[in-house]
Protein backbone atom coordinates (compact mmCIF):
# COMPACT_ATOMS: atom_id res chain seq x y z
CA MET A 1 -104.09 59.75 -159.55
CA SER A 2 -107.05 61.78 -160.72
CA ASN A 3 -108.72 58.71 -162.21
CA ILE A 4 -108.70 56.83 -158.94
CA GLU A 5 -111.90 57.26 -156.96
CA ALA A 6 -112.05 56.86 -153.24
CA PRO A 7 -114.28 54.03 -152.08
CA SER A 8 -117.68 55.08 -150.91
CA LEU A 9 -118.87 54.70 -147.35
CA GLN A 10 -121.24 51.92 -148.47
CA ASP A 11 -118.39 49.90 -149.98
CA SER A 12 -116.20 50.26 -146.92
CA GLY A 13 -119.06 49.37 -144.59
CA GLY A 14 -119.17 45.77 -145.70
CA GLY A 15 -121.10 43.53 -147.99
CA VAL A 16 -119.40 41.45 -150.67
CA ASP A 17 -116.00 41.99 -152.27
CA SER A 18 -116.82 43.10 -155.86
CA GLU A 19 -113.92 41.18 -157.43
CA ARG A 20 -114.02 37.84 -155.54
CA GLY A 21 -117.57 37.73 -154.17
CA ALA A 22 -116.26 37.04 -150.63
CA PRO A 23 -117.59 38.61 -147.44
CA THR A 24 -115.69 41.65 -146.33
CA VAL A 25 -113.94 41.92 -142.99
CA ALA A 26 -116.73 44.05 -141.56
CA VAL A 27 -119.35 41.39 -142.29
CA ILE A 28 -117.22 38.67 -140.69
CA GLU A 29 -116.63 40.80 -137.60
CA ALA A 30 -120.36 41.54 -137.34
CA GLU A 31 -121.21 37.83 -137.53
CA LEU A 32 -118.65 36.97 -134.86
CA VAL A 33 -120.02 39.64 -132.57
CA THR A 34 -123.59 38.37 -132.95
CA ASN A 35 -122.50 34.79 -132.09
CA VAL A 36 -120.89 35.76 -128.80
CA PRO A 37 -123.21 34.80 -125.90
CA VAL A 38 -123.61 38.12 -124.17
CA GLY A 39 -126.05 39.27 -121.56
CA ARG A 40 -128.77 36.74 -121.01
CA GLY A 41 -126.88 34.01 -122.92
CA TRP A 42 -124.18 33.75 -120.26
CA TRP A 43 -126.74 33.53 -117.46
CA ARG A 44 -128.63 30.81 -119.30
CA TRP A 45 -125.42 28.82 -119.77
CA ILE A 46 -124.53 29.15 -116.08
CA TRP A 47 -128.10 28.25 -115.08
CA ASN A 48 -128.04 25.11 -117.23
CA LEU A 49 -124.64 24.13 -115.86
CA VAL A 50 -125.73 24.56 -112.24
CA GLY A 51 -128.99 22.76 -112.94
CA SER A 52 -127.18 19.82 -114.53
CA PHE A 53 -124.78 19.59 -111.59
CA VAL A 54 -127.60 19.72 -109.03
CA GLU A 55 -129.52 17.06 -110.98
CA TRP A 56 -126.44 14.81 -111.08
CA MET A 57 -125.76 15.22 -107.35
CA PHE A 58 -129.40 14.52 -106.55
CA GLY A 59 -129.16 11.39 -108.71
CA LEU A 60 -126.03 10.28 -106.86
CA ALA A 61 -127.73 10.75 -103.50
CA SER A 62 -130.78 8.83 -104.75
CA LEU A 63 -128.50 6.08 -106.02
CA ILE A 64 -126.76 5.67 -102.67
CA VAL A 65 -130.09 5.61 -100.83
CA GLY A 66 -131.50 3.06 -103.26
CA LEU A 67 -128.45 0.80 -102.98
CA SER A 68 -128.61 1.10 -99.19
CA ILE A 69 -132.23 -0.01 -99.11
CA LEU A 70 -131.54 -2.91 -101.48
CA ALA A 71 -128.57 -4.00 -99.36
CA THR A 72 -130.84 -4.63 -96.38
CA LEU A 73 -133.37 -6.80 -98.26
CA PRO A 74 -132.76 -10.56 -98.45
CA LEU A 75 -131.71 -11.73 -101.92
CA LEU A 76 -132.23 -8.27 -103.39
CA GLN A 77 -129.03 -7.26 -101.61
CA PHE A 78 -127.10 -9.04 -104.37
CA MET A 79 -128.29 -6.30 -106.73
CA SER A 80 -126.51 -3.74 -104.58
CA LEU A 81 -123.28 -5.73 -104.65
CA GLY A 82 -123.70 -6.37 -108.37
CA TYR A 83 -123.98 -2.65 -109.08
CA LEU A 84 -120.79 -1.89 -107.14
CA LEU A 85 -118.96 -4.63 -109.02
CA GLU A 86 -120.25 -3.41 -112.36
CA ALA A 87 -119.07 0.11 -111.49
CA SER A 88 -115.48 -1.13 -111.20
CA GLY A 89 -115.92 -3.18 -114.37
CA ARG A 90 -117.06 -0.13 -116.35
CA VAL A 91 -114.01 1.80 -115.23
CA ILE A 92 -111.76 -1.10 -116.26
CA ARG A 93 -113.28 -1.33 -119.73
CA SER A 94 -113.32 2.38 -120.50
CA GLY A 95 -110.48 3.74 -118.39
CA ARG A 96 -112.67 6.66 -117.26
CA ILE A 97 -113.71 7.07 -113.64
CA ARG A 98 -116.92 8.87 -114.57
CA ASP A 99 -118.18 5.71 -116.29
CA GLY A 100 -118.35 4.01 -112.90
CA PHE A 101 -121.32 6.17 -111.91
CA ILE A 102 -123.86 4.08 -113.79
CA GLY A 103 -127.38 5.41 -114.29
CA VAL A 104 -127.01 8.36 -111.94
CA ARG A 105 -129.49 10.56 -113.78
CA LYS A 106 -131.97 7.72 -114.23
CA THR A 107 -131.80 6.98 -110.52
CA GLY A 108 -132.27 10.68 -109.88
CA ARG A 109 -135.55 10.43 -111.75
CA VAL A 110 -136.66 7.67 -109.36
CA GLY A 111 -135.65 9.89 -106.44
CA SER A 112 -137.60 12.84 -107.84
CA VAL A 113 -140.68 10.64 -108.24
CA ALA A 114 -140.33 9.47 -104.64
CA ALA A 115 -139.96 13.06 -103.42
CA GLY A 116 -142.92 14.17 -105.54
CA VAL A 117 -145.10 11.37 -104.21
CA PHE A 118 -144.18 12.34 -100.65
CA LEU A 119 -145.12 15.98 -101.25
CA THR A 120 -148.33 15.06 -103.07
CA LEU A 121 -149.52 12.84 -100.25
CA LEU A 122 -148.92 15.42 -97.53
CA PRO A 123 -152.46 16.91 -97.74
CA VAL A 124 -153.96 13.42 -97.73
CA ARG A 125 -151.99 12.47 -94.63
CA LEU A 126 -152.91 15.74 -92.92
CA PHE A 127 -156.67 15.41 -93.44
CA SER A 128 -156.53 11.69 -92.68
CA SER A 129 -155.00 12.53 -89.30
CA LEU A 130 -157.65 15.20 -88.69
CA SER A 131 -160.40 12.75 -89.64
CA TYR A 132 -159.09 10.13 -87.25
CA SER A 133 -158.79 12.68 -84.44
CA SER A 134 -162.33 13.84 -85.10
CA TYR A 135 -163.57 10.27 -84.97
CA LEU A 136 -161.90 9.71 -81.59
CA LEU A 137 -163.43 12.90 -80.17
CA ASN A 138 -166.84 13.07 -81.85
CA GLY A 139 -167.48 9.63 -83.31
CA ASP A 140 -169.35 9.47 -86.64
CA SER A 141 -170.36 13.11 -86.52
CA ALA A 142 -171.04 15.37 -89.48
CA GLN A 143 -167.59 16.90 -89.09
CA THR A 144 -165.96 13.46 -89.20
CA LYS A 145 -167.88 12.50 -92.34
CA PHE A 146 -166.98 15.82 -93.95
CA LEU A 147 -163.26 15.23 -93.25
CA ARG A 148 -163.53 11.70 -94.62
CA GLY A 149 -165.01 13.13 -97.80
CA ILE A 150 -162.10 15.55 -98.09
CA VAL A 151 -159.65 12.66 -97.62
CA LEU A 152 -161.39 10.73 -100.41
CA VAL A 153 -161.33 13.69 -102.79
CA PHE A 154 -157.71 14.51 -102.03
CA GLY A 155 -156.77 10.85 -102.40
CA VAL A 156 -158.29 10.58 -105.87
CA LEU A 157 -156.67 13.85 -106.94
CA ALA A 158 -153.33 12.70 -105.53
CA LEU A 159 -153.46 9.45 -107.49
CA TRP A 160 -154.25 11.33 -110.69
CA HIS A 161 -151.55 13.90 -110.03
CA ILE A 162 -148.90 11.24 -109.31
CA GLY A 163 -149.75 9.29 -112.44
CA TRP A 164 -149.84 12.36 -114.67
CA ALA A 165 -146.61 13.85 -113.26
CA THR A 166 -144.82 10.52 -113.67
CA PHE A 167 -146.12 10.22 -117.24
CA ARG A 168 -144.76 13.67 -118.06
CA GLY A 169 -141.26 12.67 -116.96
CA GLY A 170 -141.29 12.40 -113.19
CA LYS A 171 -139.25 15.52 -112.55
CA LEU A 172 -139.92 17.51 -109.41
CA ARG A 173 -141.31 20.44 -111.38
CA HIS A 174 -143.92 18.12 -112.87
CA PHE A 175 -145.22 17.46 -109.36
CA LEU A 176 -145.27 21.17 -108.49
CA TRP A 177 -147.56 22.13 -111.41
CA PRO A 178 -150.20 19.68 -112.68
CA ALA A 179 -150.67 21.29 -116.14
CA PRO A 180 -154.38 20.33 -116.45
CA LEU A 181 -154.84 21.78 -119.95
CA LYS A 182 -151.94 19.73 -121.24
CA PHE A 183 -153.50 16.65 -119.67
CA LEU A 184 -156.81 17.28 -121.48
CA ARG A 185 -155.04 17.70 -124.81
CA ARG A 186 -153.03 14.52 -124.25
CA LEU A 187 -156.12 12.61 -123.19
CA LYS A 188 -157.95 13.76 -126.31
CA ALA A 189 -155.07 12.58 -128.51
CA GLY A 190 -155.59 8.98 -127.27
CA GLY A 191 -153.15 6.11 -126.74
CA MET A 192 -152.12 7.38 -123.33
CA TYR A 193 -152.32 4.01 -121.59
CA ASP A 194 -150.23 2.20 -124.21
CA ASP A 195 -147.65 4.97 -124.17
CA ALA A 196 -147.41 4.87 -120.37
CA ALA A 197 -147.05 1.07 -120.33
CA THR A 198 -144.32 1.19 -122.98
CA ARG A 199 -142.40 3.89 -121.15
CA LEU A 200 -142.64 2.05 -117.83
CA TRP A 201 -141.44 -1.21 -119.36
CA GLU A 202 -138.51 0.47 -121.11
CA PHE A 203 -137.53 2.25 -117.92
CA PHE A 204 -137.45 -0.89 -115.78
CA ARG A 205 -135.72 -2.86 -118.49
CA GLY A 206 -133.04 -0.18 -118.63
CA LEU A 207 -132.36 -0.69 -114.92
CA ARG A 208 -130.99 -4.20 -115.69
CA LEU A 209 -131.94 -5.53 -112.26
CA PRO A 210 -131.59 -9.26 -113.19
CA TYR A 211 -128.11 -8.57 -114.54
CA TYR A 212 -127.00 -6.87 -111.33
CA PHE A 213 -128.49 -9.67 -109.25
CA TRP A 214 -126.59 -12.34 -111.20
CA MET A 215 -123.39 -10.29 -111.07
CA GLY A 216 -123.68 -9.74 -107.32
CA LEU A 217 -124.47 -13.39 -106.61
CA ARG A 218 -121.40 -14.60 -108.50
CA GLY A 219 -119.20 -11.95 -106.92
CA PHE A 220 -120.49 -12.92 -103.48
CA LEU A 221 -119.78 -16.63 -104.06
CA GLY A 222 -116.30 -15.95 -105.44
CA ALA A 223 -115.32 -13.76 -102.48
CA LEU A 224 -116.85 -16.23 -100.03
CA ILE A 225 -114.73 -19.04 -101.44
CA TRP A 226 -111.60 -17.01 -100.83
CA LEU A 227 -112.61 -15.80 -97.36
CA LEU A 228 -114.24 -18.92 -95.95
CA ILE A 229 -111.16 -20.77 -94.65
CA PRO A 230 -109.21 -17.85 -93.09
CA VAL A 231 -112.33 -16.28 -91.56
CA THR A 232 -113.48 -19.62 -90.16
CA LEU A 233 -110.10 -20.21 -88.52
CA MET A 234 -110.26 -16.79 -86.91
CA ALA A 235 -113.90 -17.11 -85.86
CA PHE A 236 -113.54 -20.46 -84.08
CA SER A 237 -110.05 -19.94 -82.66
CA SER A 238 -111.43 -18.74 -79.31
CA ARG A 239 -113.49 -21.96 -78.95
CA ILE A 240 -110.65 -24.36 -79.61
CA GLN A 241 -108.93 -26.00 -76.66
CA PRO A 242 -106.21 -25.80 -75.51
CA PRO A 243 -105.78 -22.01 -75.85
CA GLY A 244 -102.40 -22.47 -77.51
CA LEU A 245 -103.97 -24.36 -80.38
CA GLY A 246 -106.67 -21.70 -80.67
CA GLY A 247 -104.02 -18.99 -80.85
CA LEU A 248 -102.25 -20.93 -83.60
CA CYS A 249 -105.50 -21.15 -85.58
CA ALA A 250 -106.05 -17.42 -85.19
CA PHE A 251 -102.50 -16.71 -86.36
CA VAL A 252 -102.81 -18.97 -89.41
CA GLY A 253 -106.21 -17.51 -90.23
CA GLY A 254 -104.85 -13.97 -89.99
CA VAL A 255 -101.90 -14.77 -92.26
CA LEU A 256 -104.18 -16.46 -94.81
CA LEU A 257 -106.59 -13.52 -94.69
CA SER A 258 -103.70 -11.10 -95.29
CA ILE A 259 -102.63 -13.08 -98.35
CA VAL A 260 -106.19 -13.13 -99.67
CA LEU A 261 -106.51 -9.38 -99.21
CA LEU A 262 -103.55 -8.85 -101.52
CA TYR A 263 -105.49 -10.34 -104.44
CA LEU A 264 -109.22 -10.33 -103.69
CA PRO A 265 -110.09 -6.69 -104.62
CA PHE A 266 -108.58 -7.16 -108.08
CA LEU A 267 -109.90 -10.68 -108.55
CA GLN A 268 -113.44 -9.48 -107.88
CA ALA A 269 -112.96 -6.63 -110.35
CA ARG A 270 -112.12 -9.17 -113.06
CA LEU A 271 -115.63 -10.65 -112.87
CA PRO A 272 -117.53 -7.63 -114.29
CA ALA A 273 -114.69 -6.88 -116.68
CA THR A 274 -114.81 -10.35 -118.27
CA ASN A 275 -118.22 -11.66 -117.12
CA ARG A 276 -116.59 -15.01 -116.32
CA PHE A 277 -116.84 -16.55 -112.87
CA GLY A 278 -113.47 -18.28 -113.18
CA SER A 279 -111.68 -14.96 -113.67
CA GLN A 280 -111.94 -14.45 -109.89
CA PHE A 281 -109.26 -17.10 -109.38
CA ASN A 282 -106.61 -15.95 -111.89
CA LEU A 283 -103.79 -15.09 -109.48
CA ARG A 284 -101.15 -15.06 -112.20
CA LEU A 285 -102.90 -12.25 -114.05
CA VAL A 286 -103.13 -10.12 -110.90
CA ARG A 287 -99.40 -10.52 -110.26
CA LYS A 288 -98.68 -9.62 -113.88
CA GLN A 289 -100.84 -6.52 -113.72
CA PHE A 290 -99.30 -5.48 -110.41
CA ARG A 291 -95.88 -5.18 -112.06
CA ARG A 292 -97.30 -2.68 -114.55
CA ALA A 293 -98.97 -0.38 -112.01
CA PRO A 294 -97.53 -1.12 -108.55
CA ILE A 295 -98.37 2.25 -107.01
CA ALA A 296 -102.00 2.05 -108.10
CA TYR A 297 -102.19 -1.56 -106.88
CA TRP A 298 -100.93 -0.39 -103.51
CA PHE A 299 -103.12 2.69 -103.22
CA SER A 300 -106.49 1.15 -104.18
CA PRO A 301 -106.47 -1.69 -101.57
CA LEU A 302 -105.14 0.78 -99.02
CA MET A 303 -108.19 2.98 -99.54
CA THR A 304 -110.53 -0.01 -99.70
CA LEU A 305 -109.41 -1.38 -96.35
CA ALA A 306 -109.06 2.06 -94.76
CA LEU A 307 -112.64 2.91 -95.71
CA ALA A 308 -113.87 -0.47 -94.44
CA ILE A 309 -112.33 -0.30 -90.95
CA PRO A 310 -114.47 2.55 -89.50
CA LEU A 311 -117.63 0.75 -90.61
CA TYR A 312 -117.02 -1.99 -88.05
CA LEU A 313 -118.00 0.54 -85.38
CA LEU A 314 -121.57 0.38 -86.69
CA LYS A 315 -121.74 -3.28 -85.70
CA ALA A 316 -121.31 -2.62 -81.99
CA GLU A 317 -125.05 -2.29 -81.33
CA LEU A 318 -128.06 -4.14 -82.68
CA ILE A 319 -130.14 -1.96 -84.98
CA PRO A 320 -133.80 -2.75 -85.74
CA ARG A 321 -134.29 -4.39 -89.11
CA GLU A 322 -136.56 -1.61 -90.38
CA ALA A 323 -133.83 0.97 -89.68
CA ALA A 324 -130.92 -1.07 -91.04
CA TRP A 325 -130.78 1.03 -94.19
CA LEU A 326 -129.58 4.05 -92.18
CA PRO A 327 -126.13 2.63 -91.28
CA SER A 328 -126.15 0.93 -94.67
CA LEU A 329 -125.92 4.43 -96.17
CA PHE A 330 -122.41 4.71 -94.76
CA PHE A 331 -121.47 1.26 -95.99
CA VAL A 332 -122.49 2.00 -99.56
CA ALA A 333 -121.07 5.53 -99.51
CA PHE A 334 -117.69 4.20 -98.34
CA MET A 335 -117.51 1.11 -100.53
CA PHE A 336 -118.62 2.84 -103.73
CA PRO A 337 -115.45 4.94 -104.15
CA ALA A 338 -113.38 1.92 -103.10
CA ARG A 339 -114.78 -0.10 -106.03
CA ILE A 340 -114.12 2.82 -108.37
CA LEU A 341 -110.50 3.02 -107.24
CA VAL A 342 -109.94 -0.71 -107.75
CA GLY A 343 -111.33 -0.43 -111.28
CA TRP A 344 -109.07 2.55 -111.93
CA ALA A 345 -106.00 0.59 -110.79
CA VAL A 346 -106.80 -2.41 -113.01
CA SER A 347 -107.54 -0.14 -115.96
CA ARG A 348 -104.26 1.71 -115.46
CA SER A 349 -102.40 -1.59 -115.52
CA GLU A 350 -104.13 -2.94 -118.61
CA ARG A 351 -103.23 0.18 -120.59
CA ARG A 352 -99.53 -0.30 -119.99
CA ASP A 353 -97.39 -2.80 -121.88
CA ARG A 354 -94.20 -2.56 -119.80
CA ASN A 355 -93.36 -3.32 -116.20
CA ARG A 356 -92.43 -0.50 -113.87
CA LEU A 357 -89.00 -0.17 -112.29
CA TRP A 358 -88.08 -2.80 -109.71
CA LEU A 359 -87.76 -0.12 -107.04
CA SER A 360 -91.41 0.92 -107.36
CA ARG A 361 -92.54 -2.71 -107.53
CA TRP A 362 -90.73 -3.81 -104.37
CA GLY A 363 -91.57 -0.55 -102.61
CA ALA A 364 -95.27 -1.14 -103.29
CA ARG A 365 -95.02 -4.77 -102.10
CA LEU A 366 -93.36 -3.78 -98.84
CA ALA A 367 -95.86 -0.95 -98.32
CA THR A 368 -98.85 -3.24 -98.90
CA LEU A 369 -97.84 -5.87 -96.32
CA PRO A 370 -98.41 -3.73 -93.19
CA VAL A 371 -101.75 -2.57 -94.62
CA VAL A 372 -103.20 -6.08 -94.95
CA LEU A 373 -101.65 -7.30 -91.69
CA ILE A 374 -103.09 -4.40 -89.68
CA TYR A 375 -106.49 -4.89 -91.29
CA ALA A 376 -106.49 -8.63 -90.52
CA LEU A 377 -105.53 -7.90 -86.91
CA LEU A 378 -108.29 -5.31 -86.49
CA VAL A 379 -110.84 -7.62 -88.10
CA TYR A 380 -109.93 -10.36 -85.62
CA PHE A 381 -110.61 -8.10 -82.62
CA THR A 382 -113.93 -6.84 -84.03
CA GLN A 383 -115.55 -10.11 -82.96
CA PHE A 384 -115.20 -8.94 -79.35
CA THR A 385 -116.94 -5.61 -80.01
CA SER A 386 -119.62 -6.64 -82.49
CA TRP A 387 -123.15 -7.54 -81.46
CA TYR A 388 -122.98 -10.86 -83.31
CA GLY A 389 -119.60 -11.85 -81.93
CA ALA A 390 -117.57 -14.30 -84.00
CA TRP A 391 -120.31 -14.49 -86.66
CA SER A 392 -119.61 -10.85 -87.56
CA LEU A 393 -116.30 -11.92 -89.08
CA TYR A 394 -118.27 -13.35 -91.98
CA GLU A 395 -119.77 -9.91 -92.65
CA GLN A 396 -116.87 -8.74 -94.79
CA HIS A 397 -118.61 -5.68 -96.20
CA ALA A 398 -115.54 -4.69 -98.21
CA PHE A 399 -116.05 -7.73 -100.47
CA LEU A 400 -119.48 -9.20 -99.73
CA VAL A 401 -122.87 -7.50 -99.54
CA PRO A 402 -122.43 -3.88 -98.35
CA VAL A 403 -124.65 -4.15 -95.28
CA PRO A 404 -123.67 -4.19 -91.59
CA PHE A 405 -126.00 -6.98 -90.46
CA LEU A 406 -126.80 -10.27 -92.13
CA GLY A 407 -128.92 -11.49 -89.23
CA PHE A 408 -126.74 -14.36 -87.98
C-alpha cells in the first residue's frame, strides 16, 4: 500500500491515458461541451430556420402569382398548365409531396427582383409625377427643367442599381444596399459582362419554359379529347328542339362527363410521369391502380372537384382582360394542391403490389359516384350563371388551362 502513489491533480484533470494513449473522460466531456450550440448558436440556428421558411413561402407566393399571370396570356397559358402537370408527375416519380413544389426558391428570386425593381423605381416615379405637374402649372420653367434633370439622374442610377443588384444575386437585401465599393472591385476585375450573360442564360435555361409549354399543350389536348363530346352535348342541349330531345342530350352528356371524371385526373397525371401522350388513354392501368389504393383514388378526385366548384362563381361577371390575373390567383391556388393530391394517389398505388380488400374497393367506388354526379350536375347549371353562357362549359379549369376566361 505504501508503494502506491495517489494520482496527481494534473493526471486526473485530463490529457492522455499514459498506458493506452487514449483521451481521458475529462477531455471527451470538454470536447462535447464545446460542440453544444449554446447562447448565440441557438439564435443563429433559429434565425436561419425562420429565414429559410420565409424565403420558401415568398417563393411559393411568387410562383402562384407568376403562374396566374401566365395563365391569362394566350399560348403562354400552356406553361402554367404544364407546370401543374409536372408537379403531379414529380410526386408520382419520387413519392414525396414536397417534390411537387418545383423551383419555389428560384421563383422566389424572380419575385424578389420584381419587388426590388418596384422599390428602386419609386423615386423615379415620384419625381416624374412632380415634373409633369410642374409642366402643367408652369410650362417649361426652370423648376420643370430642374425636376426633369432629377428624373434623368435618378433613372440612370436606378438602371445601374437594378443591374448591379440582380448581378449580385437578386435578393431583396441586394436592392436595399448598393455596395458601391464592391462594384468598383468587381468592375476592376473585368469579365463582368460575360459573367452576367452566362448567369442570365443559365437561369432562364433552368426554368425549362419550352418543356412546360409542350407538357401543357399535350395535357390540354388529351383532356379536351375526353371532355369534348360530353361537354358539347351539355352545351347545346338547350338549343335542341324539341325540349325532350334536348333534355335527353343533357342527361347523356352529364352521364358521360361523370364517367370521364372518374378517370381523367389520373390519366392526365400519367402524361408527366411517362412523358408519352398515349398514356392519357390507358384506362386499364387506372382501374388496376385504383384497386391498390382505392381510398386515395377516392379522396384525390373528391378534393379536385370540390376545389373546382367554388371557382365557377368567378365566372358570373366579365372581368377586364388586364385584371384577369386577379381571379386567376384563386384558380391556380386551388388547382395546385389538387394536382399534388392526384400525384400522391398515383404514387401511393404504384408503390403497392397487392390489391386492397374488396370492402374498401367497393366502398370507394360507391363513394365516388355521387361526387362525380353532383359535379356534373353543378357544371351543367353554371352555363346559366356564367357570363359566357354555354361556352363556359368548355372552360374546365380543373383539367384545362387554370384561368376563368378564355375569351369565347
